PDB file of N, CA and C in Angstrom:
ATOM      1  N   MET A   1      24.443 -48.244 -46.071  1.00  0.00           N
ATOM      2  CA  MET A   1      24.239 -48.622 -44.800  1.00  0.00           C
ATOM      3  C   MET A   1      22.759 -49.630 -45.078  1.00  0.00           C
ATOM      4  N   PRO A   2      23.175 -50.924 -44.517  1.00  0.00           N
ATOM      5  CA  PRO A   2      22.169 -51.526 -44.355  1.00  0.00           C
ATOM      6  C   PRO A   2      20.550 -51.192 -43.515  1.00  0.00           C
ATOM      7  N   GLN A   3      19.539 -51.349 -44.331  1.00  0.00           N
ATOM      8  CA  GLN A   3      18.262 -50.691 -43.445  1.00  0.00           C
ATOM      9  C   GLN A   3      17.898 -52.247 -42.433  1.00  0.00           C
ATOM     10  N   GLU A   4      16.944 -52.157 -41.735  1.00  0.00           N
ATOM     11  CA  GLU A   4      16.559 -53.085 -40.720  1.00  0.00           C
ATOM     12  C   GLU A   4      15.260 -53.349 -41.220  1.00  0.00           C
ATOM     13  N   ASP A   5      15.145 -54.573 -41.226  1.00  0.00           N
ATOM     14  CA  ASP A   5      13.606 -55.402 -41.552  1.00  0.00           C
ATOM     15  C   ASP A   5      12.628 -54.242 -40.651  1.00  0.00           C
ATOM     16  N   GLU A   6      11.884 -53.984 -41.518  1.00  0.00           N
ATOM     17  CA  GLU A   6      10.721 -53.035 -40.541  1.00  0.00           C
ATOM     18  C   GLU A   6       9.969 -53.713 -39.821  1.00  0.00           C
ATOM     19  N   HIS A   7       9.829 -55.027 -40.068  1.00  0.00           N
ATOM     20  CA  HIS A   7       9.119 -55.949 -39.297  1.00  0.00           C
ATOM     21  C   HIS A   7       9.001 -56.698 -37.638  1.00  0.00           C
ATOM     22  N   ARG A   8      10.363 -56.259 -37.567  1.00  0.00           N
ATOM     23  CA  ARG A   8      11.574 -57.103 -36.313  1.00  0.00           C
ATOM     24  C   ARG A   8      11.717 -55.566 -35.911  1.00  0.00           C
ATOM     25  N   THR A   9      12.182 -56.007 -34.296  1.00  0.00           N
ATOM     26  CA  THR A   9      12.385 -55.001 -33.591  1.00  0.00           C
ATOM     27  C   THR A   9      14.042 -55.563 -32.940  1.00  0.00           C
ATOM     28  N   ARG A  10      14.503 -54.353 -32.680  1.00  0.00           N
ATOM     29  CA  ARG A  10      15.936 -55.096 -32.037  1.00  0.00           C
ATOM     30  C   ARG A  10      15.321 -55.222 -30.457  1.00  0.00           C
ATOM     31  N   PRO A  11      16.791 -56.556 -29.903  1.00  0.00           N
ATOM     32  CA  PRO A  11      16.024 -57.047 -28.860  1.00  0.00           C
ATOM     33  C   PRO A  11      16.709 -55.644 -28.120  1.00  0.00           C
ATOM     34  N   PRO A  12      16.896 -55.526 -26.639  1.00  0.00           N
ATOM     35  CA  PRO A  12      17.247 -54.540 -25.983  1.00  0.00           C
ATOM     36  C   PRO A  12      18.476 -55.021 -26.015  1.00  0.00           C
ATOM     37  N   HIS A  13      19.406 -53.734 -25.369  1.00  0.00           N
ATOM     38  CA  HIS A  13      20.712 -54.102 -25.399  1.00  0.00           C
ATOM     39  C   HIS A  13      21.399 -55.323 -24.429  1.00  0.00           C
ATOM     40  N   THR A  14      21.892 -56.244 -24.647  1.00  0.00           N
ATOM     41  CA  THR A  14      23.103 -56.930 -23.944  1.00  0.00           C
ATOM     42  C   THR A  14      23.758 -56.377 -23.068  1.00  0.00           C
ATOM     43  N   ALA A  15      23.001 -56.143 -21.859  1.00  0.00           N
ATOM     44  CA  ALA A  15      24.418 -56.240 -20.806  1.00  0.00           C
ATOM     45  C   ALA A  15      25.244 -57.022 -20.373  1.00  0.00           C
ATOM     46  N   PRO A  16      26.156 -56.812 -19.898  1.00  0.00           N
ATOM     47  CA  PRO A  16      27.728 -57.085 -19.607  1.00  0.00           C
ATOM     48  C   PRO A  16      27.230 -58.581 -19.019  1.00  0.00           C
ATOM     49  N   ALA A  17      27.753 -59.441 -18.963  1.00  0.00           N
ATOM     50  CA  ALA A  17      27.318 -61.125 -18.027  1.00  0.00           C
ATOM     51  C   ALA A  17      27.777 -60.429 -16.838  1.00  0.00           C
ATOM     52  N   PRO A  18      27.104 -60.950 -15.760  1.00  0.00           N
ATOM     53  CA  PRO A  18      28.193 -61.037 -14.480  1.00  0.00           C
ATOM     54  C   PRO A  18      29.461 -61.648 -14.483  1.00  0.00           C
ATOM     55  N   ASP A  19      30.337 -61.156 -13.451  1.00  0.00           N
ATOM     56  CA  ASP A  19      31.558 -61.782 -13.445  1.00  0.00           C
ATOM     57  C   ASP A  19      31.820 -63.336 -13.427  1.00  0.00           C
ATOM     58  N   SER A  20      30.612 -63.740 -12.405  1.00  0.00           N
ATOM     59  CA  SER A  20      30.303 -65.370 -12.468  1.00  0.00           C
ATOM     60  C   SER A  20      30.168 -66.235 -14.023  1.00  0.00           C
ATOM     61  N   LEU A  21      29.363 -65.478 -14.989  1.00  0.00           N
ATOM     62  CA  LEU A  21      29.545 -65.652 -16.000  1.00  0.00           C
ATOM     63  C   LEU A  21      30.294 -65.669 -17.274  1.00  0.00           C
ATOM     64  N   SER A  22      31.542 -64.563 -16.926  1.00  0.00           N
ATOM     65  CA  SER A  22      32.086 -63.854 -18.023  1.00  0.00           C
ATOM     66  C   SER A  22      32.910 -64.543 -18.691  1.00  0.00           C
ATOM     67  N   ARG A  23      33.106 -65.841 -18.110  1.00  0.00           N
ATOM     68  CA  ARG A  23      34.145 -66.828 -18.900  1.00  0.00           C
ATOM     69  C   ARG A  23      33.584 -67.769 -20.083  1.00  0.00           C
ATOM     70  N   PHE A  24      32.127 -67.429 -20.225  1.00  0.00           N
ATOM     71  CA  PHE A  24      31.127 -68.134 -21.216  1.00  0.00           C
ATOM     72  C   PHE A  24      30.744 -67.347 -22.331  1.00  0.00           C
ATOM     73  N   PHE A  25      31.553 -65.794 -22.540  1.00  0.00           N
ATOM     74  CA  PHE A  25      31.288 -65.047 -23.494  1.00  0.00           C
ATOM     75  C   PHE A  25      32.895 -64.346 -23.945  1.00  0.00           C
ATOM     76  N   ALA A  26      32.516 -64.141 -25.303  1.00  0.00           N
ATOM     77  CA  ALA A  26      34.191 -63.663 -25.672  1.00  0.00           C
ATOM     78  C   ALA A  26      33.131 -62.385 -26.804  1.00  0.00           C
ATOM     79  N   ASP A  27      33.419 -61.068 -26.750  1.00  0.00           N
ATOM     80  CA  ASP A  27      33.259 -60.143 -27.495  1.00  0.00           C
ATOM     81  C   ASP A  27      31.633 -59.885 -27.629  1.00  0.00           C
ATOM     82  N   GLY A  28      31.155 -60.233 -26.213  1.00  0.00           N
ATOM     83  CA  GLY A  28      29.812 -60.209 -26.127  1.00  0.00           C
ATOM     84  C   GLY A  28      28.957 -61.395 -26.870  1.00  0.00           C
ATOM     85  N   ARG A  29      29.566 -62.314 -27.394  1.00  0.00           N
ATOM     86  CA  ARG A  29      28.634 -63.769 -27.997  1.00  0.00           C
ATOM     87  C   ARG A  29      29.410 -64.847 -26.812  1.00  0.00           C
ATOM     88  N   LEU A  30      28.023 -65.545 -26.625  1.00  0.00           N
ATOM     89  CA  LEU A  30      28.221 -66.824 -25.811  1.00  0.00           C
ATOM     90  C   LEU A  30      29.043 -67.952 -26.605  1.00  0.00           C
ATOM     91  N   THR A  31      30.141 -68.380 -25.801  1.00  0.00           N
ATOM     92  CA  THR A  31      31.005 -69.405 -26.202  1.00  0.00           C
ATOM     93  C   THR A  31      30.702 -70.558 -25.795  1.00  0.00           C
ATOM     94  N   ALA A  32      29.782 -71.056 -25.027  1.00  0.00           N
ATOM     95  CA  ALA A  32      29.644 -72.117 -24.576  1.00  0.00           C
ATOM     96  C   ALA A  32      28.582 -72.211 -23.364  1.00  0.00           C
ATOM     97  N   VAL A  33      27.705 -73.225 -23.283  1.00  0.00           N
ATOM     98  CA  VAL A  33      26.485 -72.936 -22.785  1.00  0.00           C
ATOM     99  C   VAL A  33      26.879 -74.070 -21.488  1.00  0.00           C
ATOM    100  N   PRO A  34      26.883 -73.709 -20.195  1.00  0.00           N
ATOM    101  CA  PRO A  34      27.176 -74.628 -19.437  1.00  0.00           C
ATOM    102  C   PRO A  34      26.630 -75.790 -18.726  1.00  0.00           C
ATOM    103  N   ARG A  35      27.586 -76.697 -18.399  1.00  0.00           N
ATOM    104  CA  ARG A  35      27.358 -77.759 -18.218  1.00  0.00           C
ATOM    105  C   ARG A  35      26.542 -78.419 -16.942  1.00  0.00           C
ATOM    106  N   ARG A  36      27.044 -77.838 -16.060  1.00  0.00           N
ATOM    107  CA  ARG A  36      26.242 -77.718 -14.240  1.00  0.00           C
ATOM    108  C   ARG A  36      24.899 -77.046 -14.582  1.00  0.00           C
ATOM    109  N   PRO A  37      23.640 -77.464 -14.071  1.00  0.00           N
ATOM    110  CA  PRO A  37      22.547 -76.865 -13.837  1.00  0.00           C
ATOM    111  C   PRO A  37      22.794 -75.468 -13.040  1.00  0.00           C
ATOM    112  N   ALA A  38      23.367 -75.605 -12.148  1.00  0.00           N
ATOM    113  CA  ALA A  38      23.380 -74.041 -11.487  1.00  0.00           C
ATOM    114  C   ALA A  38      23.605 -72.860 -12.314  1.00  0.00           C
ATOM    115  N   VAL A  39      24.973 -73.135 -12.461  1.00  0.00           N
ATOM    116  CA  VAL A  39      25.463 -72.325 -13.287  1.00  0.00           C
ATOM    117  C   VAL A  39      24.618 -72.097 -15.400  1.00  0.00           C
ATOM    118  N   ARG A  40      24.257 -72.249 -15.754  1.00  0.00           N
ATOM    119  CA  ARG A  40      23.454 -72.557 -16.722  1.00  0.00           C
ATOM    120  C   ARG A  40      22.166 -71.868 -16.466  1.00  0.00           C
ATOM    121  N   GLU A  41      21.717 -72.158 -15.130  1.00  0.00           N
ATOM    122  CA  GLU A  41      20.069 -71.194 -14.807  1.00  0.00           C
ATOM    123  C   GLU A  41      20.634 -69.671 -14.485  1.00  0.00           C
ATOM    124  N   ALA A  42      22.051 -69.429 -14.332  1.00  0.00           N
ATOM    125  CA  ALA A  42      22.252 -68.276 -13.566  1.00  0.00           C
ATOM    126  C   ALA A  42      22.290 -67.769 -15.252  1.00  0.00           C
ATOM    127  N   LEU A  43      23.177 -68.234 -16.241  1.00  0.00           N
ATOM    128  CA  LEU A  43      23.045 -67.683 -17.883  1.00  0.00           C
ATOM    129  C   LEU A  43      21.762 -67.363 -18.331  1.00  0.00           C
ATOM    130  N   LEU A  44      20.861 -68.440 -18.112  1.00  0.00           N
ATOM    131  CA  LEU A  44      19.845 -68.287 -18.721  1.00  0.00           C
ATOM    132  C   LEU A  44      18.974 -66.868 -18.328  1.00  0.00           C
ATOM    133  N   ALA A  45      18.988 -67.328 -16.558  1.00  0.00           N
ATOM    134  CA  ALA A  45      18.544 -65.616 -16.353  1.00  0.00           C
ATOM    135  C   ALA A  45      18.754 -64.092 -16.930  1.00  0.00           C
ATOM    136  N   HIS A  46      20.148 -64.466 -16.664  1.00  0.00           N
ATOM    137  CA  HIS A  46      21.160 -63.351 -17.052  1.00  0.00           C
ATOM    138  C   HIS A  46      20.525 -62.982 -18.676  1.00  0.00           C
ATOM    139  N   LEU A  47      20.089 -63.899 -19.552  1.00  0.00           N
ATOM    140  CA  LEU A  47      19.752 -63.667 -21.186  1.00  0.00           C
ATOM    141  C   LEU A  47      18.313 -63.706 -21.164  1.00  0.00           C
ATOM    142  N   ALA A  48      17.778 -63.868 -20.244  1.00  0.00           N
ATOM    143  CA  ALA A  48      16.100 -63.263 -20.118  1.00  0.00           C
ATOM    144  C   ALA A  48      16.016 -61.929 -19.798  1.00  0.00           C
ATOM    145  N   ASP A  49      16.725 -61.613 -18.554  1.00  0.00           N
ATOM    146  CA  ASP A  49      16.803 -60.438 -18.427  1.00  0.00           C
ATOM    147  C   ASP A  49      17.686 -59.059 -19.022  1.00  0.00           C
ATOM    148  N   THR A  50      17.813 -59.511 -19.884  1.00  0.00           N
ATOM    149  CA  THR A  50      18.811 -58.664 -20.842  1.00  0.00           C
ATOM    150  C   THR A  50      18.449 -58.608 -22.390  1.00  0.00           C
ATOM    151  N   LEU A  51      17.522 -59.845 -22.783  1.00  0.00           N
ATOM    152  CA  LEU A  51      17.223 -59.614 -24.032  1.00  0.00           C
ATOM    153  C   LEU A  51      15.804 -59.829 -23.922  1.00  0.00           C
ATOM    154  N   PHE A  52      15.005 -59.851 -23.147  1.00  0.00           N
ATOM    155  CA  PHE A  52      13.714 -59.901 -23.213  1.00  0.00           C
ATOM    156  C   PHE A  52      12.706 -58.858 -22.237  1.00  0.00           C
ATOM    157  N   GLU A  53      11.863 -57.691 -22.491  1.00  0.00           N
ATOM    158  CA  GLU A  53      11.087 -56.970 -21.709  1.00  0.00           C
ATOM    159  C   GLU A  53      10.345 -57.581 -21.428  1.00  0.00           C
ATOM    160  N   SER A  54      10.123 -57.490 -19.709  1.00  0.00           N
ATOM    161  CA  SER A  54       8.471 -58.125 -19.455  1.00  0.00           C
ATOM    162  C   SER A  54       7.445 -57.083 -20.049  1.00  0.00           C
ATOM    163  N   GLY A  55       6.892 -58.326 -19.833  1.00  0.00           N
ATOM    164  CA  GLY A  55       5.078 -57.381 -20.595  1.00  0.00           C
ATOM    165  C   GLY A  55       5.224 -57.731 -21.776  1.00  0.00           C
ATOM    166  N   ARG A  56       6.147 -57.927 -22.881  1.00  0.00           N
ATOM    167  CA  ARG A  56       6.200 -57.652 -24.297  1.00  0.00           C
ATOM    168  C   ARG A  56       5.779 -59.353 -24.782  1.00  0.00           C
ATOM    169  N   ALA A  57       4.793 -59.378 -25.857  1.00  0.00           N
ATOM    170  CA  ALA A  57       4.890 -60.530 -26.687  1.00  0.00           C
ATOM    171  C   ALA A  57       5.576 -60.653 -27.740  1.00  0.00           C
ATOM    172  N   TYR A  58       6.745 -61.545 -28.027  1.00  0.00           N
ATOM    173  CA  TYR A  58       7.352 -61.771 -28.845  1.00  0.00           C
ATOM    174  C   TYR A  58       6.682 -63.125 -30.181  1.00  0.00           C
ATOM    175  N   THR A  59       7.131 -62.714 -31.337  1.00  0.00           N
ATOM    176  CA  THR A  59       6.920 -63.941 -32.131  1.00  0.00           C
ATOM    177  C   THR A  59       8.516 -64.980 -32.226  1.00  0.00           C
ATOM    178  N   GLU A  60       8.385 -65.959 -32.556  1.00  0.00           N
ATOM    179  CA  GLU A  60       9.491 -67.061 -32.714  1.00  0.00           C
ATOM    180  C   GLU A  60      10.469 -66.342 -33.373  1.00  0.00           C
ATOM    181  N   PRO A  61      10.184 -65.594 -34.318  1.00  0.00           N
ATOM    182  CA  PRO A  61      11.275 -65.110 -34.952  1.00  0.00           C
ATOM    183  C   PRO A  61      12.122 -64.004 -34.236  1.00  0.00           C
ATOM    184  N   GLU A  62      11.376 -63.088 -33.565  1.00  0.00           N
ATOM    185  CA  GLU A  62      11.896 -62.205 -32.647  1.00  0.00           C
ATOM    186  C   GLU A  62      13.067 -62.900 -31.875  1.00  0.00           C
ATOM    187  N   VAL A  63      12.332 -63.949 -31.152  1.00  0.00           N
ATOM    188  CA  VAL A  63      13.038 -64.391 -29.906  1.00  0.00           C
ATOM    189  C   VAL A  63      14.521 -65.053 -30.459  1.00  0.00           C
ATOM    190  N   ASN A  64      14.102 -65.687 -31.878  1.00  0.00           N
ATOM    191  CA  ASN A  64      15.477 -65.854 -32.403  1.00  0.00           C
ATOM    192  C   ASN A  64      16.329 -64.732 -32.387  1.00  0.00           C
ATOM    193  N   ASP A  65      16.200 -63.938 -33.061  1.00  0.00           N
ATOM    194  CA  ASP A  65      16.511 -62.324 -33.369  1.00  0.00           C
ATOM    195  C   ASP A  65      17.252 -62.356 -32.373  1.00  0.00           C
ATOM    196  N   ALA A  66      16.382 -62.312 -31.113  1.00  0.00           N
ATOM    197  CA  ALA A  66      17.352 -61.906 -29.751  1.00  0.00           C
ATOM    198  C   ALA A  66      18.482 -62.756 -29.186  1.00  0.00           C
ATOM    199  N   LEU A  67      18.208 -64.027 -29.322  1.00  0.00           N
ATOM    200  CA  LEU A  67      19.129 -65.004 -29.289  1.00  0.00           C
ATOM    201  C   LEU A  67      19.896 -64.947 -30.146  1.00  0.00           C
ATOM    202  N   GLY A  68      19.965 -64.765 -31.382  1.00  0.00           N
ATOM    203  CA  GLY A  68      21.196 -64.882 -32.144  1.00  0.00           C
ATOM    204  C   GLY A  68      22.112 -63.608 -32.245  1.00  0.00           C
ATOM    205  N   THR A  69      21.888 -62.587 -31.136  1.00  0.00           N
ATOM    206  CA  THR A  69      22.804 -61.811 -31.082  1.00  0.00           C
ATOM    207  C   THR A  69      24.169 -62.111 -30.061  1.00  0.00           C
ATOM    208  N   VAL A  70      23.905 -63.284 -29.263  1.00  0.00           N
ATOM    209  CA  VAL A  70      24.808 -63.856 -28.488  1.00  0.00           C
ATOM    210  C   VAL A  70      24.937 -65.188 -28.640  1.00  0.00           C
ATOM    211  N   HIS A  71      24.422 -65.861 -29.665  1.00  0.00           N
ATOM    212  CA  HIS A  71      24.508 -67.533 -29.942  1.00  0.00           C
ATOM    213  C   HIS A  71      24.299 -67.835 -31.272  1.00  0.00           C
ATOM    214  N   GLU A  72      24.726 -68.646 -31.568  1.00  0.00           N
ATOM    215  CA  GLU A  72      24.077 -69.256 -33.273  1.00  0.00           C
ATOM    216  C   GLU A  72      23.024 -70.224 -33.206  1.00  0.00           C
ATOM    217  N   ASP A  73      23.102 -70.997 -31.869  1.00  0.00           N
ATOM    218  CA  ASP A  73      22.273 -72.251 -31.440  1.00  0.00           C
ATOM    219  C   ASP A  73      21.040 -71.594 -31.208  1.00  0.00           C
ATOM    220  N   THR A  74      20.177 -70.698 -31.595  1.00  0.00           N
ATOM    221  CA  THR A  74      19.017 -70.177 -31.075  1.00  0.00           C
ATOM    222  C   THR A  74      18.207 -70.939 -30.542  1.00  0.00           C
ATOM    223  N   ALA A  75      17.729 -71.785 -31.274  1.00  0.00           N
ATOM    224  CA  ALA A  75      16.494 -73.396 -30.992  1.00  0.00           C
ATOM    225  C   ALA A  75      17.260 -73.743 -29.567  1.00  0.00           C
ATOM    226  N   ALA A  76      18.317 -74.163 -29.429  1.00  0.00           N
ATOM    227  CA  ALA A  76      18.846 -74.808 -28.176  1.00  0.00           C
ATOM    228  C   ALA A  76      18.320 -73.713 -26.878  1.00  0.00           C
ATOM    229  N   LEU A  77      18.863 -72.876 -26.819  1.00  0.00           N
ATOM    230  CA  LEU A  77      18.650 -71.492 -26.155  1.00  0.00           C
ATOM    231  C   LEU A  77      17.183 -71.338 -25.649  1.00  0.00           C
ATOM    232  N   ARG A  78      16.824 -71.512 -26.968  1.00  0.00           N
ATOM    233  CA  ARG A  78      14.837 -70.860 -26.682  1.00  0.00           C
ATOM    234  C   ARG A  78      14.541 -72.118 -25.599  1.00  0.00           C
ATOM    235  N   ARG A  79      14.575 -73.422 -26.073  1.00  0.00           N
ATOM    236  CA  ARG A  79      14.294 -74.631 -25.546  1.00  0.00           C
ATOM    237  C   ARG A  79      14.436 -74.578 -23.769  1.00  0.00           C
ATOM    238  N   HIS A  80      15.972 -74.327 -23.566  1.00  0.00           N
ATOM    239  CA  HIS A  80      16.484 -74.053 -22.232  1.00  0.00           C
ATOM    240  C   HIS A  80      15.773 -72.993 -21.550  1.00  0.00           C
ATOM    241  N   LEU A  81      15.209 -72.049 -22.259  1.00  0.00           N
ATOM    242  CA  LEU A  81      14.547 -70.313 -21.439  1.00  0.00           C
ATOM    243  C   LEU A  81      12.887 -71.242 -20.961  1.00  0.00           C
ATOM    244  N   ILE A  82      12.558 -71.778 -22.238  1.00  0.00           N
ATOM    245  CA  ILE A  82      11.359 -72.264 -21.877  1.00  0.00           C
ATOM    246  C   ILE A  82      11.142 -73.564 -20.600  1.00  0.00           C
ATOM    247  N   THR A  83      12.241 -74.363 -20.970  1.00  0.00           N
ATOM    248  CA  THR A  83      12.226 -75.676 -19.731  1.00  0.00           C
ATOM    249  C   THR A  83      12.549 -74.637 -18.638  1.00  0.00           C
ATOM    250  N   SER A  84      13.407 -73.979 -18.650  1.00  0.00           N
ATOM    251  CA  SER A  84      13.707 -73.446 -17.136  1.00  0.00           C
ATOM    252  C   SER A  84      12.949 -72.679 -16.798  1.00  0.00           C
ATOM    253  N   GLY A  85      11.280 -72.005 -17.434  1.00  0.00           N
ATOM    254  CA  GLY A  85      10.562 -71.440 -16.580  1.00  0.00           C
ATOM    255  C   GLY A  85      10.424 -70.050 -16.781  1.00  0.00           C
ATOM    256  N   LEU A  86      12.238 -69.339 -17.725  1.00  0.00           N
ATOM    257  CA  LEU A  86      12.063 -67.932 -18.022  1.00  0.00           C
ATOM    258  C   LEU A  86      11.166 -67.327 -19.366  1.00  0.00           C
ATOM    259  N   LEU A  87      10.794 -68.293 -20.382  1.00  0.00           N
ATOM    260  CA  LEU A  87      10.093 -67.819 -21.141  1.00  0.00           C
ATOM    261  C   LEU A  87       9.230 -68.859 -21.112  1.00  0.00           C
ATOM    262  N   ASP A  88       7.716 -67.632 -21.523  1.00  0.00           N
ATOM    263  CA  ASP A  88       6.614 -68.685 -21.665  1.00  0.00           C
ATOM    264  C   ASP A  88       6.060 -68.573 -22.742  1.00  0.00           C
ATOM    265  N   ARG A  89       5.498 -69.679 -23.251  1.00  0.00           N
ATOM    266  CA  ARG A  89       4.910 -70.072 -25.004  1.00  0.00           C
ATOM    267  C   ARG A  89       3.992 -70.352 -24.716  1.00  0.00           C
ATOM    268  N   THR A  90       2.928 -69.795 -25.958  1.00  0.00           N
ATOM    269  CA  THR A  90       1.477 -69.795 -25.780  1.00  0.00           C
ATOM    270  C   THR A  90       1.778 -71.802 -26.558  1.00  0.00           C
ATOM    271  N   ARG A  91       0.449 -72.371 -26.481  1.00  0.00           N
ATOM    272  CA  ARG A  91       0.254 -73.686 -26.663  1.00  0.00           C
ATOM    273  C   ARG A  91       0.735 -73.791 -28.446  1.00  0.00           C
ATOM    274  N   ASP A  92       0.350 -73.168 -29.317  1.00  0.00           N
ATOM    275  CA  ASP A  92       0.676 -73.280 -30.775  1.00  0.00           C
ATOM    276  C   ASP A  92       1.813 -72.687 -30.809  1.00  0.00           C
ATOM    277  N   GLY A  93       2.783 -72.331 -30.077  1.00  0.00           N
ATOM    278  CA  GLY A  93       4.223 -71.418 -30.354  1.00  0.00           C
ATOM    279  C   GLY A  93       4.033 -70.355 -30.660  1.00  0.00           C
ATOM    280  N   SER A  94       2.584 -68.940 -30.774  1.00  0.00           N
ATOM    281  CA  SER A  94       3.315 -68.519 -32.230  1.00  0.00           C
ATOM    282  C   SER A  94       3.784 -66.815 -31.019  1.00  0.00           C
ATOM    283  N   THR A  95       3.437 -67.154 -29.813  1.00  0.00           N
ATOM    284  CA  THR A  95       3.540 -66.192 -28.876  1.00  0.00           C
ATOM    285  C   THR A  95       4.535 -66.415 -27.962  1.00  0.00           C
ATOM    286  N   TYR A  96       5.621 -65.703 -27.159  1.00  0.00           N
ATOM    287  CA  TYR A  96       6.665 -65.781 -26.324  1.00  0.00           C
ATOM    288  C   TYR A  96       6.693 -64.690 -25.293  1.00  0.00           C
ATOM    289  N   ARG A  97       6.617 -64.589 -24.081  1.00  0.00           N
ATOM    290  CA  ARG A  97       6.810 -63.760 -23.182  1.00  0.00           C
ATOM    291  C   ARG A  97       7.559 -64.254 -21.985  1.00  0.00           C
ATOM    292  N   ARG A  98       8.363 -63.069 -21.341  1.00  0.00           N
ATOM    293  CA  ARG A  98       9.362 -63.246 -20.373  1.00  0.00           C
ATOM    294  C   ARG A  98       8.120 -63.741 -19.096  1.00  0.00           C
ATOM    295  N   ALA A  99       8.268 -64.688 -18.479  1.00  0.00           N
ATOM    296  CA  ALA A  99       7.770 -65.447 -17.386  1.00  0.00           C
ATOM    297  C   ALA A  99       7.700 -64.291 -16.411  1.00  0.00           C
ATOM    298  N   ALA A 100       6.670 -64.385 -15.966  1.00  0.00           N
ATOM    299  CA  ALA A 100       6.399 -63.629 -14.610  1.00  0.00           C
ATOM    300  C   ALA A 100       7.185 -63.755 -13.673  1.00  0.00           C
ATOM    301  N   ALA A 101       7.352 -64.989 -13.146  1.00  0.00           N
ATOM    302  CA  ALA A 101       9.062 -64.997 -12.027  1.00  0.00           C
ATOM    303  C   ALA A 101      10.005 -64.568 -12.790  1.00  0.00           C
ATOM    304  N   ALA A 102      10.231 -64.219 -13.896  1.00  0.00           N
ATOM    305  CA  ALA A 102      11.575 -63.935 -14.455  1.00  0.00           C
ATOM    306  C   ALA A 102      11.952 -62.365 -14.690  1.00  0.00           C
ATOM    307  N   CYS A 103      10.484 -61.669 -14.089  1.00  0.00           N
ATOM    308  CA  CYS A 103      10.634 -60.080 -14.048  1.00  0.00           C
ATOM    309  C   CYS A 103      11.141 -59.686 -12.945  1.00  0.00           C
TER     310      CYS A 103
END
């Protein structure tokens, strides 16, 4: 059995997507990012709620690991979460937190 990197933590279990978003998932993986802004925002809120604990600081690799559990394009999802205001990032990009409004 492979050992986990002791410096990384596993993200919280990803809850099943709400019915309105289920068409974007297959086997727990995100198959497409919605183009419609309202649906994309709902998807991003779901990801923020299920992948990131409120009050906890994350490094960029930890954010990427969490997002990688649902989709391979972690950079795009990370950018979407930040621009939508669901994740906050320090100016130097070293620390990420779930935004207070997203909690």
